[in-house]
């Protein structure tokens, strides 16, 4: 698997989400800065980013 930092991928994804929504969360409220999200939400973004990375790298295919 290519080397990547799940936290950096998550931060990039979070920033892209904010860019697409005008900096608003799913409730239409301002998105907090990454450092203010809390560990649970940061971990959720990291897990999501890792899942996308695995998909892009083809690591979710049977036999891998």
PDB file of N, CA and C in Angstrom:
ATOM      1  N   UNK A   1       0.848  -1.178   0.000  1.00  0.00           N
ATOM      2  CA  UNK A   1       0.000   0.000   0.000  1.00  0.00           C
ATOM      3  C   UNK A   1       0.888   1.234   0.000  1.00  0.00           C
ATOM      4  N   UNK A   2       0.520   2.202  -0.796  1.00  0.00           N
ATOM      5  CA  UNK A   2       1.284   3.437  -0.828  1.00  0.00           C
ATOM      6  C   UNK A   2       1.234   4.096   0.544  1.00  0.00           C
ATOM      7  N   UNK A   3       2.304   4.743   0.893  1.00  0.00           N
ATOM      8  CA  UNK A   3       2.366   5.421   2.183  1.00  0.00           C
ATOM      9  C   UNK A   3       1.515   6.684   2.152  1.00  0.00           C
ATOM     10  N   UNK A   4       0.687   6.834   3.139  1.00  0.00           N
ATOM     11  CA  UNK A   4      -0.099   8.050   3.283  1.00  0.00           C
ATOM     12  C   UNK A   4      -0.440   8.216   4.754  1.00  0.00           C
ATOM     13  N   UNK A   5      -0.706   9.428   5.120  1.00  0.00           N
ATOM     14  CA  UNK A   5      -1.053   9.745   6.503  1.00  0.00           C
ATOM     15  C   UNK A   5      -2.564   9.954   6.568  1.00  0.00           C
ATOM     16  N   UNK A   6      -3.293   9.037   7.223  1.00  0.00           N
ATOM     17  CA  UNK A   6      -4.745   9.179   7.285  1.00  0.00           C
ATOM     18  C   UNK A   6      -5.209  10.521   7.849  1.00  0.00           C
ATOM     19  N   UNK A   7      -4.460  11.073   8.781  1.00  0.00           N
ATOM     20  CA  UNK A   7      -4.849  12.362   9.346  1.00  0.00           C
ATOM     21  C   UNK A   7      -4.745  13.461   8.306  1.00  0.00           C
ATOM     22  N   UNK A   8      -3.692  13.454   7.514  1.00  0.00           N
ATOM     23  CA  UNK A   8      -3.545  14.472   6.477  1.00  0.00           C
ATOM     24  C   UNK A   8      -4.608  14.296   5.396  1.00  0.00           C
ATOM     25  N   UNK A   9      -4.915  13.053   5.040  1.00  0.00           N
ATOM     26  CA  UNK A   9      -5.996  12.812   4.080  1.00  0.00           C
ATOM     27  C   UNK A   9      -7.328  13.307   4.650  1.00  0.00           C
ATOM     28  N   UNK A  10      -7.565  13.039   5.922  1.00  0.00           N
ATOM     29  CA  UNK A  10      -8.812  13.470   6.561  1.00  0.00           C
ATOM     30  C   UNK A  10      -8.911  14.990   6.597  1.00  0.00           C
ATOM     31  N   UNK A  11      -7.825  15.655   6.919  1.00  0.00           N
ATOM     32  CA  UNK A  11      -7.822  17.124   6.933  1.00  0.00           C
ATOM     33  C   UNK A  11      -8.116  17.676   5.541  1.00  0.00           C
ATOM     34  N   UNK A  12      -7.543  17.052   4.513  1.00  0.00           N
ATOM     35  CA  UNK A  12      -7.789  17.494   3.144  1.00  0.00           C
ATOM     36  C   UNK A  12      -9.248  17.288   2.767  1.00  0.00           C
ATOM     37  N   UNK A  13      -9.799  16.141   3.139  1.00  0.00           N
ATOM     38  CA  UNK A  13     -11.205  15.856   2.847  1.00  0.00           C
ATOM     39  C   UNK A  13     -12.123  16.826   3.587  1.00  0.00           C
ATOM     40  N   UNK A  14     -11.813  17.100   4.840  1.00  0.00           N
ATOM     41  CA  UNK A  14     -12.609  18.022   5.643  1.00  0.00           C
ATOM     42  C   UNK A  14     -12.573  19.422   5.031  1.00  0.00           C
ATOM     43  N   UNK A  15     -11.400  19.847   4.604  1.00  0.00           N
ATOM     44  CA  UNK A  15     -11.261  21.160   3.972  1.00  0.00           C
ATOM     45  C   UNK A  15     -12.038  21.201   2.657  1.00  0.00           C
ATOM     46  N   UNK A  16     -11.991  20.116   1.878  1.00  0.00           N
ATOM     47  CA  UNK A  16     -12.727  20.062   0.615  1.00  0.00           C
ATOM     48  C   UNK A  16     -14.234  20.117   0.869  1.00  0.00           C
ATOM     49  N   UNK A  17     -14.693  19.403   1.890  1.00  0.00           N
ATOM     50  CA  UNK A  17     -16.109  19.446   2.262  1.00  0.00           C
ATOM     51  C   UNK A  17     -16.503  20.887   2.588  1.00  0.00           C
ATOM     52  N   UNK A  18     -15.685  21.545   3.384  1.00  0.00           N
ATOM     53  CA  UNK A  18     -15.957  22.932   3.740  1.00  0.00           C
ATOM     54  C   UNK A  18     -15.966  23.848   2.527  1.00  0.00           C
ATOM     55  N   UNK A  19     -15.069  23.580   1.597  1.00  0.00           N
ATOM     56  CA  UNK A  19     -15.044  24.376   0.374  1.00  0.00           C
ATOM     57  C   UNK A  19     -16.299  24.196  -0.458  1.00  0.00           C
ATOM     58  N   UNK A  20     -16.822  22.995  -0.467  1.00  0.00           N
ATOM     59  CA  UNK A  20     -18.025  22.693  -1.252  1.00  0.00           C
ATOM     60  C   UNK A  20     -19.301  23.209  -0.595  1.00  0.00           C
ATOM     61  N   UNK A  21     -19.270  23.409   0.727  1.00  0.00           N
ATOM     62  CA  UNK A  21     -20.482  23.809   1.451  1.00  0.00           C
ATOM     63  C   UNK A  21     -20.429  25.249   1.960  1.00  0.00           C
ATOM     64  N   UNK A  22     -19.415  25.980   1.533  1.00  0.00           N
ATOM     65  CA  UNK A  22     -19.281  27.345   2.029  1.00  0.00           C
ATOM     66  C   UNK A  22     -18.913  27.393   3.498  1.00  0.00           C
ATOM     67  N   UNK A  23     -18.227  26.344   3.962  1.00  0.00           N
ATOM     68  CA  UNK A  23     -17.801  26.298   5.356  1.00  0.00           C
ATOM     69  C   UNK A  23     -18.911  25.952   6.336  1.00  0.00           C
ATOM     70  N   UNK A  24     -19.974  25.353   5.827  1.00  0.00           N
ATOM     71  CA  UNK A  24     -21.113  24.988   6.686  1.00  0.00           C
ATOM     72  C   UNK A  24     -21.170  23.477   6.870  1.00  0.00           C
ATOM     73  N   UNK A  25     -21.627  23.039   8.040  1.00  0.00           N
ATOM     74  CA  UNK A  25     -21.796  21.604   8.293  1.00  0.00           C
ATOM     75  C   UNK A  25     -23.156  21.145   7.784  1.00  0.00           C
ATOM     76  N   UNK A  26     -23.506  19.907   8.057  1.00  0.00           N
ATOM     77  CA  UNK A  26     -24.772  19.359   7.555  1.00  0.00           C
ATOM     78  C   UNK A  26     -26.006  20.050   8.132  1.00  0.00           C
ATOM     79  N   UNK A  27     -25.831  20.781   9.203  1.00  0.00           N
ATOM     80  CA  UNK A  27     -26.940  21.542   9.793  1.00  0.00           C
ATOM     81  C   UNK A  27     -26.999  22.977   9.279  1.00  0.00           C
ATOM     82  N   UNK A  28     -26.050  23.327   8.427  1.00  0.00           N
ATOM     83  CA  UNK A  28     -25.989  24.698   7.930  1.00  0.00           C
ATOM     84  C   UNK A  28     -25.258  25.642   8.861  1.00  0.00           C
ATOM     85  N   UNK A  29     -24.614  25.095   9.880  1.00  0.00           N
ATOM     86  CA  UNK A  29     -23.864  25.893  10.845  1.00  0.00           C
ATOM     87  C   UNK A  29     -22.404  25.974  10.404  1.00  0.00           C
ATOM     88  N   UNK A  30     -21.669  26.973  10.870  1.00  0.00           N
ATOM     89  CA  UNK A  30     -20.253  27.068  10.521  1.00  0.00           C
ATOM     90  C   UNK A  30     -19.484  25.831  10.992  1.00  0.00           C
ATOM     91  N   UNK A  31     -18.613  25.348  10.121  1.00  0.00           N
ATOM     92  CA  UNK A  31     -17.768  24.206  10.489  1.00  0.00           C
ATOM     93  C   UNK A  31     -16.662  24.662  11.432  1.00  0.00           C
ATOM     94  N   UNK A  32     -16.421  23.904  12.498  1.00  0.00           N
ATOM     95  CA  UNK A  32     -15.301  24.249  13.374  1.00  0.00           C
ATOM     96  C   UNK A  32     -13.972  23.959  12.687  1.00  0.00           C
ATOM     97  N   UNK A  33     -12.941  24.566  13.176  1.00  0.00           N
ATOM     98  CA  UNK A  33     -11.590  24.245  12.699  1.00  0.00           C
ATOM     99  C   UNK A  33     -11.301  22.787  13.060  1.00  0.00           C
ATOM    100  N   UNK A  34     -10.434  22.146  12.309  1.00  0.00           N
ATOM    101  CA  UNK A  34     -10.084  20.742  12.526  1.00  0.00           C
ATOM    102  C   UNK A  34      -9.732  20.481  13.989  1.00  0.00           C
ATOM    103  N   UNK A  35      -8.900  21.325  14.569  1.00  0.00           N
ATOM    104  CA  UNK A  35      -8.430  21.110  15.942  1.00  0.00           C
ATOM    105  C   UNK A  35      -9.545  21.212  16.978  1.00  0.00           C
ATOM    106  N   UNK A  36     -10.673  21.776  16.609  1.00  0.00           N
ATOM    107  CA  UNK A  36     -11.804  21.936  17.531  1.00  0.00           C
ATOM    108  C   UNK A  36     -12.873  20.854  17.348  1.00  0.00           C
ATOM    109  N   UNK A  37     -12.670  19.906  16.431  1.00  0.00           N
ATOM    110  CA  UNK A  37     -13.676  18.891  16.150  1.00  0.00           C
ATOM    111  C   UNK A  37     -13.879  17.899  17.285  1.00  0.00           C
ATOM    112  N   UNK A  38     -12.839  17.577  17.981  1.00  0.00           N
ATOM    113  CA  UNK A  38     -12.893  16.525  18.988  1.00  0.00           C
ATOM    114  C   UNK A  38     -12.410  15.211  18.397  1.00  0.00           C
ATOM    115  N   UNK A  39     -11.944  14.347  19.253  1.00  0.00           N
ATOM    116  CA  UNK A  39     -11.303  13.104  18.820  1.00  0.00           C
ATOM    117  C   UNK A  39     -12.249  12.182  18.055  1.00  0.00           C
ATOM    118  N   UNK A  40     -13.493  12.070  18.475  1.00  0.00           N
ATOM    119  CA  UNK A  40     -14.427  11.156  17.816  1.00  0.00           C
ATOM    120  C   UNK A  40     -14.676  11.560  16.368  1.00  0.00           C
ATOM    121  N   UNK A  41     -14.914  12.837  16.123  1.00  0.00           N
ATOM    122  CA  UNK A  41     -15.192  13.304  14.764  1.00  0.00           C
ATOM    123  C   UNK A  41     -13.931  13.264  13.918  1.00  0.00           C
ATOM    124  N   UNK A  42     -12.793  13.630  14.488  1.00  0.00           N
ATOM    125  CA  UNK A  42     -11.537  13.522  13.739  1.00  0.00           C
ATOM    126  C   UNK A  42     -11.289  12.072  13.323  1.00  0.00           C
ATOM    127  N   UNK A  43     -11.510  11.148  14.238  1.00  0.00           N
ATOM    128  CA  UNK A  43     -11.320   9.728  13.923  1.00  0.00           C
ATOM    129  C   UNK A  43     -12.282   9.286  12.822  1.00  0.00           C
ATOM    130  N   UNK A  44     -13.521   9.759  12.863  1.00  0.00           N
ATOM    131  CA  UNK A  44     -14.485   9.408  11.826  1.00  0.00           C
ATOM    132  C   UNK A  44     -14.007   9.888  10.453  1.00  0.00           C
ATOM    133  N   UNK A  45     -13.488  11.100  10.376  1.00  0.00           N
ATOM    134  CA  UNK A  45     -12.948  11.609   9.108  1.00  0.00           C
ATOM    135  C   UNK A  45     -11.730  10.795   8.675  1.00  0.00           C
ATOM    136  N   UNK A  46     -10.883  10.403   9.623  1.00  0.00           N
ATOM    137  CA  UNK A  46      -9.702   9.599   9.295  1.00  0.00           C
ATOM    138  C   UNK A  46     -10.105   8.228   8.750  1.00  0.00           C
ATOM    139  N   UNK A  47     -11.082   7.595   9.381  1.00  0.00           N
ATOM    140  CA  UNK A  47     -11.555   6.284   8.922  1.00  0.00           C
ATOM    141  C   UNK A  47     -12.162   6.414   7.522  1.00  0.00           C
ATOM    142  N   UNK A  48     -12.931   7.456   7.300  1.00  0.00           N
ATOM    143  CA  UNK A  48     -13.522   7.672   5.979  1.00  0.00           C
ATOM    144  C   UNK A  48     -12.438   7.905   4.930  1.00  0.00           C
ATOM    145  N   UNK A  49     -11.448   8.721   5.257  1.00  0.00           N
ATOM    146  CA  UNK A  49     -10.359   8.985   4.315  1.00  0.00           C
ATOM    147  C   UNK A  49      -9.576   7.715   4.021  1.00  0.00           C
ATOM    148  N   UNK A  50      -9.350   6.900   5.039  1.00  0.00           N
ATOM    149  CA  UNK A  50      -8.641   5.636   4.850  1.00  0.00           C
ATOM    150  C   UNK A  50      -9.443   4.708   3.932  1.00  0.00           C
ATOM    151  N   UNK A  51     -10.745   4.672   4.093  1.00  0.00           N
ATOM    152  CA  UNK A  51     -11.592   3.836   3.241  1.00  0.00           C
ATOM    153  C   UNK A  51     -11.504   4.286   1.781  1.00  0.00           C
ATOM    154  N   UNK A  52     -11.510   5.584   1.547  1.00  0.00           N
ATOM    155  CA  UNK A  52     -11.395   6.090   0.181  1.00  0.00           C
ATOM    156  C   UNK A  52     -10.019   5.746  -0.390  1.00  0.00           C
ATOM    157  N   UNK A  53      -8.973   5.926   0.411  1.00  0.00           N
ATOM    158  CA  UNK A  53      -7.623   5.592  -0.053  1.00  0.00           C
ATOM    159  C   UNK A  53      -7.535   4.121  -0.431  1.00  0.00           C
ATOM    160  N   UNK A  54      -8.095   3.244   0.388  1.00  0.00           N
ATOM    161  CA  UNK A  54      -8.067   1.812   0.089  1.00  0.00           C
ATOM    162  C   UNK A  54      -8.834   1.509  -1.199  1.00  0.00           C
ATOM    163  N   UNK A  55      -9.945   2.186  -1.395  1.00  0.00           N
ATOM    164  CA  UNK A  55     -10.730   1.985  -2.617  1.00  0.00           C
ATOM    165  C   UNK A  55      -9.942   2.444  -3.845  1.00  0.00           C
ATOM    166  N   UNK A  56      -9.367   3.626  -3.764  1.00  0.00           N
ATOM    167  CA  UNK A  56      -8.604   4.179  -4.882  1.00  0.00           C
ATOM    168  C   UNK A  56      -7.401   3.296  -5.210  1.00  0.00           C
ATOM    169  N   UNK A  57      -6.762   2.751  -4.186  1.00  0.00           N
ATOM    170  CA  UNK A  57      -5.595   1.893  -4.389  1.00  0.00           C
ATOM    171  C   UNK A  57      -5.973   0.465  -4.749  1.00  0.00           C
ATOM    172  N   UNK A  58      -7.261   0.174  -4.788  1.00  0.00           N
ATOM    173  CA  UNK A  58      -7.709  -1.165  -5.155  1.00  0.00           C
ATOM    174  C   UNK A  58      -7.491  -2.200  -4.080  1.00  0.00           C
ATOM    175  N   UNK A  59      -7.436  -1.776  -2.829  1.00  0.00           N
ATOM    176  CA  UNK A  59      -7.166  -2.702  -1.732  1.00  0.00           C
ATOM    177  C   UNK A  59      -8.432  -3.301  -1.141  1.00  0.00           C
ATOM    178  N   UNK A  60      -9.589  -2.913  -1.622  1.00  0.00           N
ATOM    179  CA  UNK A  60     -10.847  -3.454  -1.126  1.00  0.00           C
ATOM    180  C   UNK A  60     -11.364  -4.595  -1.997  1.00  0.00           C
ATOM    181  N   UNK A  61     -10.578  -4.973  -2.984  1.00  0.00           N
ATOM    182  CA  UNK A  61     -10.987  -6.055  -3.870  1.00  0.00           C
ATOM    183  C   UNK A  61     -10.712  -7.405  -3.213  1.00  0.00           C
ATOM    184  N   UNK A  62     -11.532  -8.405  -3.507  1.00  0.00           N
ATOM    185  CA  UNK A  62     -11.308  -9.738  -2.937  1.00  0.00           C
ATOM    186  C   UNK A  62      -9.896 -10.237  -3.221  1.00  0.00           C
ATOM    187  N   UNK A  63      -9.306 -10.864  -2.224  1.00  0.00           N
ATOM    188  CA  UNK A  63      -7.960 -11.404  -2.377  1.00  0.00           C
ATOM    189  C   UNK A  63      -6.857 -10.428  -2.074  1.00  0.00           C
ATOM    190  N   UNK A  64      -7.213  -9.263  -1.601  1.00  0.00           N
ATOM    191  CA  UNK A  64      -6.176  -8.261  -1.273  1.00  0.00           C
ATOM    192  C   UNK A  64      -6.175  -7.963   0.188  1.00  0.00           C
TER     193      UNK A  64
END
